[in-house]
C-alpha atoms as a PDB file:
ATOM      1  CA  MET A   1       4.137 -26.686  22.364  1.00  0.00           C
ATOM      2  CA  SER A   2       3.667 -22.922  22.478  1.00  0.00           C
ATOM      3  CA  PHE A   3       6.320 -20.363  21.559  1.00  0.00           C
ATOM      4  CA  GLY A   4       4.339 -17.370  22.780  1.00  0.00           C
ATOM      5  CA  ALA A   5       3.666 -16.151  19.261  1.00  0.00           C
ATOM      6  CA  ILE A   6       0.584 -14.047  18.680  1.00  0.00           C
ATOM      7  CA  THR A   7      -1.327 -14.855  15.537  1.00  0.00           C
ATOM      8  CA  GLY A   8      -2.686 -12.016  13.447  1.00  0.00           C
ATOM      9  CA  THR A   9      -3.813 -11.614   9.879  1.00  0.00           C
ATOM     10  CA  TYR A  10      -3.080  -9.032   7.221  1.00  0.00           C
ATOM     11  CA  THR A  11      -4.048  -8.976   3.575  1.00  0.00           C
ATOM     12  CA  SER A  12      -3.197  -6.397   0.974  1.00  0.00           C
ATOM     13  CA  VAL A  13      -4.346  -6.202  -2.638  1.00  0.00           C
ATOM     14  CA  GLU A  14      -2.595  -3.575  -4.722  1.00  0.00           C
ATOM     15  CA  ARG A  15      -2.722  -2.361  -8.293  1.00  0.00           C
ATOM     16  CA  PHE A  16      -0.178  -0.124  -9.993  1.00  0.00           C
ATOM     17  CA  ARG A  17      -0.596   1.338 -13.425  1.00  0.00           C
ATOM     18  CA  LYS A  18       0.821   4.104 -15.535  1.00  0.00           C
ATOM     19  CA  LEU A  19      -1.930   6.515 -16.516  1.00  0.00           C
ATOM     20  CA  SER A  20      -2.701   7.061 -20.165  1.00  0.00           C
ATOM     21  CA  VAL A  21      -4.163  10.296 -21.517  1.00  0.00           C
ATOM     22  CA  GLN A  22      -7.636   8.761 -21.281  1.00  0.00           C
ATOM     23  CA  ASP A  23      -7.085   7.563 -17.680  1.00  0.00           C
ATOM     24  CA  SER A  24      -5.699  10.899 -16.526  1.00  0.00           C
ATOM     25  CA  THR A  25      -8.706  12.856 -17.825  1.00  0.00           C
ATOM     26  CA  ALA A  26     -11.039  10.622 -15.801  1.00  0.00           C
ATOM     27  CA  TYR A  27      -9.681  12.211 -12.616  1.00  0.00           C
ATOM     28  CA  GLY A  28     -10.732  15.703 -13.576  1.00  0.00           C
ATOM     29  CA  GLU A  29      -8.656  18.781 -14.178  1.00  0.00           C
ATOM     30  CA  GLY A  30      -5.372  18.905 -12.290  1.00  0.00           C
ATOM     31  CA  GLU A  31      -5.719  15.493 -10.650  1.00  0.00           C
ATOM     32  CA  GLY A  32      -3.778  13.245 -12.989  1.00  0.00           C
ATOM     33  CA  ASN A  33      -1.311  13.510 -15.842  1.00  0.00           C
ATOM     34  CA  PRO A  34      -0.395  11.019 -18.550  1.00  0.00           C
ATOM     35  CA  GLY A  35       2.549   9.007 -17.276  1.00  0.00           C
ATOM     36  CA  ASP A  36       1.615   9.417 -13.598  1.00  0.00           C
ATOM     37  CA  ILE A  37       1.485   6.239 -11.561  1.00  0.00           C
ATOM     38  CA  GLU A  38      -1.793   5.275  -9.939  1.00  0.00           C
ATOM     39  CA  TRP A  39      -1.499   3.096  -6.831  1.00  0.00           C
ATOM     40  CA  VAL A  40      -4.763   1.607  -5.558  1.00  0.00           C
ATOM     41  CA  MET A  41      -4.640  -0.441  -2.366  1.00  0.00           C
ATOM     42  CA  ALA A  42      -7.142  -2.321  -0.215  1.00  0.00           C
ATOM     43  CA  THR A  43      -6.191  -3.876   3.114  1.00  0.00           C
ATOM     44  CA  ALA A  44      -7.769  -5.957   5.834  1.00  0.00           C
ATOM     45  CA  SER A  45      -6.104  -6.798   9.122  1.00  0.00           C
ATOM     46  CA  ASP A  46      -6.931  -8.212  12.529  1.00  0.00           C
ATOM     47  CA  ALA A  47      -4.593  -8.472  15.504  1.00  0.00           C
ATOM     48  CA  HIS A  48      -6.921 -11.113  16.996  1.00  0.00           C
ATOM     49  CA  GLY A  49      -7.597  -9.492  20.321  1.00  0.00           C
ATOM     50  CA  VAL A  50      -4.211  -7.908  20.962  1.00  0.00           C
ATOM     51  CA  LEU A  51      -5.534  -4.446  20.082  1.00  0.00           C
ATOM     52  CA  PRO A  52      -9.138  -3.259  19.948  1.00  0.00           C
ATOM     53  CA  GLY A  53     -10.473  -3.000  16.397  1.00  0.00           C
ATOM     54  CA  TRP A  54     -10.851   0.775  16.559  1.00  0.00           C
ATOM     55  CA  VAL A  55      -7.157   1.158  17.468  1.00  0.00           C
ATOM     56  CA  GLN A  56      -6.174  -1.070  14.552  1.00  0.00           C
ATOM     57  CA  ALA A  57      -8.386   0.917  12.171  1.00  0.00           C
ATOM     58  CA  LEU A  58      -6.668   4.143  13.228  1.00  0.00           C
ATOM     59  CA  ALA A  59      -3.130   2.726  13.048  1.00  0.00           C
ATOM     60  CA  VAL A  60      -3.104   0.873   9.710  1.00  0.00           C
ATOM     61  CA  PRO A  61      -3.309   3.881   7.325  1.00  0.00           C
ATOM     62  CA  GLY A  62      -0.343   5.546   9.044  1.00  0.00           C
ATOM     63  CA  GLN A  63       1.722   2.377   8.811  1.00  0.00           C
ATOM     64  CA  ILE A  64       0.904   1.967   5.129  1.00  0.00           C
ATOM     65  CA  ALA A  65       1.936   5.581   4.484  1.00  0.00           C
ATOM     66  CA  LYS A  66       5.314   4.829   6.095  1.00  0.00           C
ATOM     67  CA  ASP A  67       5.762   1.772   3.863  1.00  0.00           C
ATOM     68  CA  VAL A  68       5.253   3.612   0.561  1.00  0.00           C
ATOM     69  CA  PRO A  69       8.701   5.318   0.475  1.00  0.00           C
ATOM     70  CA  LEU A  70      10.339   2.023   1.493  1.00  0.00           C
ATOM     71  CA  PHE A  71       8.613   0.216  -1.362  1.00  0.00           C
ATOM     72  CA  LEU A  72       9.550   2.881  -3.901  1.00  0.00           C
ATOM     73  CA  LYS A  73      13.179   2.699  -2.741  1.00  0.00           C
ATOM     74  CA  TRP A  74      13.108  -1.082  -3.192  1.00  0.00           C
ATOM     75  CA  VAL A  75      11.720  -0.691  -6.742  1.00  0.00           C
ATOM     76  CA  GLU A  76      14.513   1.752  -7.584  1.00  0.00           C
ATOM     77  CA  GLU A  77      17.157  -0.651  -6.243  1.00  0.00           C
ATOM     78  CA  GLU A  78      15.697  -3.546  -8.230  1.00  0.00           C
ATOM     79  CA  ARG A  79      15.723  -1.477 -11.418  1.00  0.00           C
ATOM     80  CA  ARG A  80      19.390  -0.632 -10.869  1.00  0.00           C
ATOM     81  CA  LYS A  81      20.186  -4.339 -10.606  1.00  0.00           C
ATOM     82  CA  GLU A  82      18.675  -4.851 -14.076  1.00  0.00           C
ATOM     83  CA  ASP A  83      20.989  -2.247 -15.661  1.00  0.00           C
END
């Protein structure tokens, strides 16, 4: 039985950390401050034939950039729930 769904894959590995004085100096002058948040992300995705790979490669970074403010808003809302 088929429901017309298109199978695709997406994986994201992310790391968040608050920079220490030592971490912030590793970035060089003016590129990091103690207390800043570093967000490192790696993704892999495949629409399995729906879109050519080069189109996917161009589209994913823009979509991730749109998700960042949504994620930060969610974090803020979750923190308010804890108060």
